[in-house]
Amino acid sequence: MENKVKAGIMGVCIGDALGVPVESYSETVLKRVNLGEDTDTTGAIIGGIAGIYYGFENIPEEWIAELVRKDDIEKLCEKLHQKLMN
């Protein structure tokens, strides 16, 4: 049952990301997370999709500054970037 619930939440989250008219990265993420449910999962999914759409430069700097293990995340992003560009 739990897998069905998570799959449903992911479907709603992706649908929200593709269909809800919003103006910014933060508005997109906050609008979905504030609906409740499994907020860490939906925040991660919609944050990723919105990040691709709006671009890294449009993610609020104060949100990035609060990331746990920010240096590790940046290193992984750089490795991914290098793999995709080669």
N, C-alpha and C. Protein backbone atom coordinates (compact mmCIF):
# COMPACT_ATOMS: atom_id res chain seq x y z
N MET A 1 0.82 -1.20 0.00
CA MET A 1 0.00 0.00 0.00
C MET A 1 0.86 1.25 0.00
N GLU A 2 1.93 1.27 0.80
CA GLU A 2 2.76 2.47 0.90
C GLU A 2 3.39 2.82 -0.46
N ASN A 3 3.82 1.81 -1.23
CA ASN A 3 4.40 2.08 -2.55
C ASN A 3 3.39 2.73 -3.48
N LYS A 4 2.13 2.30 -3.40
CA LYS A 4 1.09 2.90 -4.23
C LYS A 4 0.87 4.35 -3.84
N VAL A 5 0.90 4.63 -2.56
CA VAL A 5 0.73 6.01 -2.09
C VAL A 5 1.87 6.88 -2.59
N LYS A 6 3.11 6.39 -2.44
CA LYS A 6 4.27 7.16 -2.90
C LYS A 6 4.21 7.37 -4.40
N ALA A 7 3.86 6.34 -5.15
CA ALA A 7 3.76 6.49 -6.61
C ALA A 7 2.71 7.52 -6.97
N GLY A 8 1.60 7.52 -6.25
CA GLY A 8 0.55 8.51 -6.49
C GLY A 8 1.01 9.92 -6.20
N ILE A 9 1.72 10.08 -5.11
CA ILE A 9 2.23 11.40 -4.74
C ILE A 9 3.23 11.88 -5.78
N MET A 10 4.10 10.99 -6.25
CA MET A 10 5.07 11.39 -7.28
C MET A 10 4.36 11.80 -8.56
N GLY A 11 3.32 11.07 -8.94
CA GLY A 11 2.56 11.43 -10.13
C GLY A 11 1.92 12.80 -10.00
N VAL A 12 1.34 13.07 -8.85
CA VAL A 12 0.73 14.38 -8.60
C VAL A 12 1.79 15.46 -8.63
N CYS A 13 2.92 15.19 -8.03
CA CYS A 13 4.01 16.16 -7.97
C CYS A 13 4.52 16.49 -9.37
N ILE A 14 4.74 15.49 -10.18
CA ILE A 14 5.22 15.72 -11.54
C ILE A 14 4.16 16.46 -12.34
N GLY A 15 2.90 16.07 -12.16
CA GLY A 15 1.81 16.79 -12.83
C GLY A 15 1.76 18.24 -12.41
N ASP A 16 1.96 18.49 -11.14
CA ASP A 16 2.00 19.88 -10.64
C ASP A 16 3.12 20.65 -11.30
N ALA A 17 4.27 20.02 -11.38
CA ALA A 17 5.44 20.71 -11.94
C ALA A 17 5.23 21.07 -13.40
N LEU A 18 4.52 20.23 -14.10
CA LEU A 18 4.31 20.47 -15.53
C LEU A 18 3.08 21.30 -15.83
N GLY A 19 2.14 21.36 -14.89
CA GLY A 19 0.87 21.99 -15.21
C GLY A 19 0.43 23.18 -14.40
N VAL A 20 1.10 23.48 -13.31
CA VAL A 20 0.67 24.59 -12.45
C VAL A 20 1.40 25.85 -12.89
N PRO A 21 0.65 26.88 -13.32
CA PRO A 21 1.34 28.10 -13.74
C PRO A 21 1.90 28.86 -12.54
N VAL A 22 3.19 28.97 -12.49
CA VAL A 22 3.86 29.72 -11.43
C VAL A 22 4.96 30.57 -12.06
N GLU A 23 5.49 31.49 -11.28
CA GLU A 23 6.43 32.47 -11.81
C GLU A 23 7.89 32.23 -11.45
N SER A 24 8.17 31.33 -10.50
CA SER A 24 9.56 31.20 -10.05
C SER A 24 9.81 29.81 -9.47
N TYR A 25 11.09 29.53 -9.28
CA TYR A 25 11.49 28.27 -8.65
C TYR A 25 10.86 28.15 -7.26
N SER A 26 11.05 29.18 -6.44
CA SER A 26 10.59 29.10 -5.06
C SER A 26 9.07 28.99 -4.99
N GLU A 27 8.36 29.70 -5.85
CA GLU A 27 6.90 29.61 -5.85
C GLU A 27 6.44 28.20 -6.22
N THR A 28 7.11 27.61 -7.19
CA THR A 28 6.78 26.24 -7.61
C THR A 28 6.95 25.26 -6.45
N VAL A 29 8.10 25.31 -5.79
CA VAL A 29 8.39 24.37 -4.71
C VAL A 29 7.47 24.62 -3.51
N LEU A 30 7.35 25.85 -3.10
CA LEU A 30 6.52 26.17 -1.93
C LEU A 30 5.05 25.83 -2.16
N LYS A 31 4.55 26.09 -3.35
CA LYS A 31 3.15 25.81 -3.65
C LYS A 31 2.86 24.31 -3.47
N ARG A 32 3.75 23.45 -3.94
CA ARG A 32 3.52 22.01 -3.83
C ARG A 32 3.76 21.50 -2.41
N VAL A 33 4.84 21.93 -1.79
CA VAL A 33 5.16 21.44 -0.45
C VAL A 33 4.09 21.87 0.55
N ASN A 34 3.56 23.05 0.39
CA ASN A 34 2.53 23.55 1.31
C ASN A 34 1.20 22.82 1.19
N LEU A 35 1.05 21.96 0.20
CA LEU A 35 -0.15 21.13 0.11
C LEU A 35 -0.12 19.97 1.10
N GLY A 36 1.05 19.71 1.67
CA GLY A 36 1.17 18.65 2.67
C GLY A 36 1.50 17.31 2.05
N GLU A 37 1.08 16.24 2.70
CA GLU A 37 1.36 14.86 2.32
C GLU A 37 2.82 14.55 2.62
N ASP A 38 3.49 13.91 1.70
CA ASP A 38 4.88 13.46 1.86
C ASP A 38 5.81 14.58 1.38
N THR A 39 5.94 15.63 2.20
CA THR A 39 6.57 16.87 1.75
C THR A 39 8.05 16.74 1.40
N ASP A 40 8.78 15.85 2.06
CA ASP A 40 10.20 15.72 1.70
C ASP A 40 10.36 15.10 0.32
N THR A 41 9.52 14.11 0.01
CA THR A 41 9.58 13.48 -1.31
C THR A 41 9.11 14.44 -2.39
N THR A 42 7.96 15.05 -2.17
CA THR A 42 7.44 15.96 -3.20
C THR A 42 8.34 17.18 -3.37
N GLY A 43 8.92 17.66 -2.28
CA GLY A 43 9.84 18.79 -2.38
C GLY A 43 11.08 18.43 -3.20
N ALA A 44 11.59 17.23 -2.99
CA ALA A 44 12.77 16.79 -3.74
C ALA A 44 12.44 16.63 -5.22
N ILE A 45 11.31 16.03 -5.51
CA ILE A 45 10.94 15.80 -6.92
C ILE A 45 10.66 17.12 -7.62
N ILE A 46 9.79 17.91 -7.05
CA ILE A 46 9.43 19.15 -7.72
C ILE A 46 10.59 20.13 -7.72
N GLY A 47 11.43 20.09 -6.68
CA GLY A 47 12.62 20.93 -6.66
C GLY A 47 13.58 20.59 -7.79
N GLY A 48 13.73 19.30 -8.05
CA GLY A 48 14.59 18.87 -9.16
C GLY A 48 14.05 19.29 -10.51
N ILE A 49 12.76 19.05 -10.71
CA ILE A 49 12.14 19.42 -11.99
C ILE A 49 12.15 20.94 -12.17
N ALA A 50 11.80 21.67 -11.13
CA ALA A 50 11.80 23.13 -11.22
C ALA A 50 13.21 23.67 -11.42
N GLY A 51 14.20 23.01 -10.82
CA GLY A 51 15.58 23.43 -11.01
C GLY A 51 16.03 23.29 -12.46
N ILE A 52 15.60 22.22 -13.10
CA ILE A 52 15.91 22.04 -14.52
C ILE A 52 15.22 23.13 -15.34
N TYR A 53 13.97 23.40 -15.02
CA TYR A 53 13.19 24.37 -15.79
C TYR A 53 13.68 25.81 -15.58
N TYR A 54 13.84 26.22 -14.32
CA TYR A 54 14.20 27.61 -14.02
C TYR A 54 15.71 27.85 -14.01
N GLY A 55 16.50 26.80 -13.84
CA GLY A 55 17.95 26.94 -13.80
C GLY A 55 18.48 27.15 -12.39
N PHE A 56 19.68 26.69 -12.17
CA PHE A 56 20.32 26.78 -10.86
C PHE A 56 20.37 28.21 -10.34
N GLU A 57 20.61 29.14 -11.24
CA GLU A 57 20.76 30.54 -10.84
C GLU A 57 19.48 31.14 -10.27
N ASN A 58 18.35 30.47 -10.45
CA ASN A 58 17.07 30.96 -9.93
C ASN A 58 16.63 30.29 -8.63
N ILE A 59 17.47 29.40 -8.11
CA ILE A 59 17.21 28.81 -6.79
C ILE A 59 17.68 29.84 -5.76
N PRO A 60 16.84 30.17 -4.79
CA PRO A 60 17.24 31.19 -3.80
C PRO A 60 18.56 30.84 -3.12
N GLU A 61 19.46 31.82 -3.08
CA GLU A 61 20.78 31.61 -2.49
C GLU A 61 20.69 31.16 -1.04
N GLU A 62 19.71 31.69 -0.30
CA GLU A 62 19.59 31.31 1.12
C GLU A 62 19.18 29.84 1.26
N TRP A 63 18.48 29.28 0.27
CA TRP A 63 18.14 27.86 0.31
C TRP A 63 19.39 27.03 0.06
N ILE A 64 20.20 27.44 -0.89
CA ILE A 64 21.43 26.71 -1.20
C ILE A 64 22.39 26.76 -0.02
N ALA A 65 22.48 27.91 0.62
CA ALA A 65 23.40 28.07 1.76
C ALA A 65 23.08 27.12 2.90
N GLU A 66 21.82 26.71 3.03
CA GLU A 66 21.39 25.85 4.14
C GLU A 66 21.52 24.36 3.84
N LEU A 67 21.95 24.00 2.63
CA LEU A 67 22.05 22.58 2.29
C LEU A 67 23.05 21.86 3.19
N VAL A 68 22.64 20.71 3.67
CA VAL A 68 23.54 19.84 4.42
C VAL A 68 24.45 19.15 3.41
N ARG A 69 25.74 19.11 3.69
CA ARG A 69 26.73 18.48 2.81
C ARG A 69 26.78 19.17 1.44
N LYS A 70 26.66 20.47 1.46
CA LYS A 70 26.66 21.28 0.24
C LYS A 70 27.90 21.01 -0.62
N ASP A 71 29.06 20.92 0.01
CA ASP A 71 30.30 20.68 -0.75
C ASP A 71 30.25 19.34 -1.48
N ASP A 72 29.74 18.31 -0.82
CA ASP A 72 29.63 17.00 -1.46
C ASP A 72 28.66 17.05 -2.64
N ILE A 73 27.56 17.76 -2.47
CA ILE A 73 26.57 17.89 -3.55
C ILE A 73 27.18 18.61 -4.74
N GLU A 74 27.93 19.68 -4.47
CA GLU A 74 28.56 20.43 -5.56
C GLU A 74 29.58 19.56 -6.30
N LYS A 75 30.34 18.73 -5.58
CA LYS A 75 31.30 17.84 -6.22
C LYS A 75 30.58 16.82 -7.11
N LEU A 76 29.48 16.26 -6.62
CA LEU A 76 28.72 15.31 -7.42
C LEU A 76 28.13 15.97 -8.67
N CYS A 77 27.66 17.19 -8.52
CA CYS A 77 27.12 17.93 -9.67
C CYS A 77 28.21 18.18 -10.70
N GLU A 78 29.38 18.52 -10.24
CA GLU A 78 30.50 18.76 -11.16
C GLU A 78 30.87 17.48 -11.90
N LYS A 79 30.91 16.35 -11.19
CA LYS A 79 31.21 15.06 -11.84
C LYS A 79 30.15 14.73 -12.89
N LEU A 80 28.88 14.95 -12.57
CA LEU A 80 27.81 14.70 -13.52
C LEU A 80 27.96 15.61 -14.74
N HIS A 81 28.24 16.86 -14.50
CA HIS A 81 28.42 17.82 -15.59
C HIS A 81 29.56 17.37 -16.52
N GLN A 82 30.67 16.95 -15.93
CA GLN A 82 31.81 16.49 -16.73
C GLN A 82 31.46 15.26 -17.56
N LYS A 83 30.73 14.32 -16.97
CA LYS A 83 30.32 13.12 -17.70
C LYS A 83 29.40 13.47 -18.87
N LEU A 84 28.47 14.38 -18.62
CA LEU A 84 27.51 14.75 -19.67
C LEU A 84 28.16 15.54 -20.79
N MET A 85 29.20 16.30 -20.48
CA MET A 85 29.83 17.15 -21.48
C MET A 85 30.96 16.45 -22.26
N ASN A 86 31.37 15.28 -21.83
CA ASN A 86 32.44 14.56 -22.54
C ASN A 86 31.89 13.52 -23.48
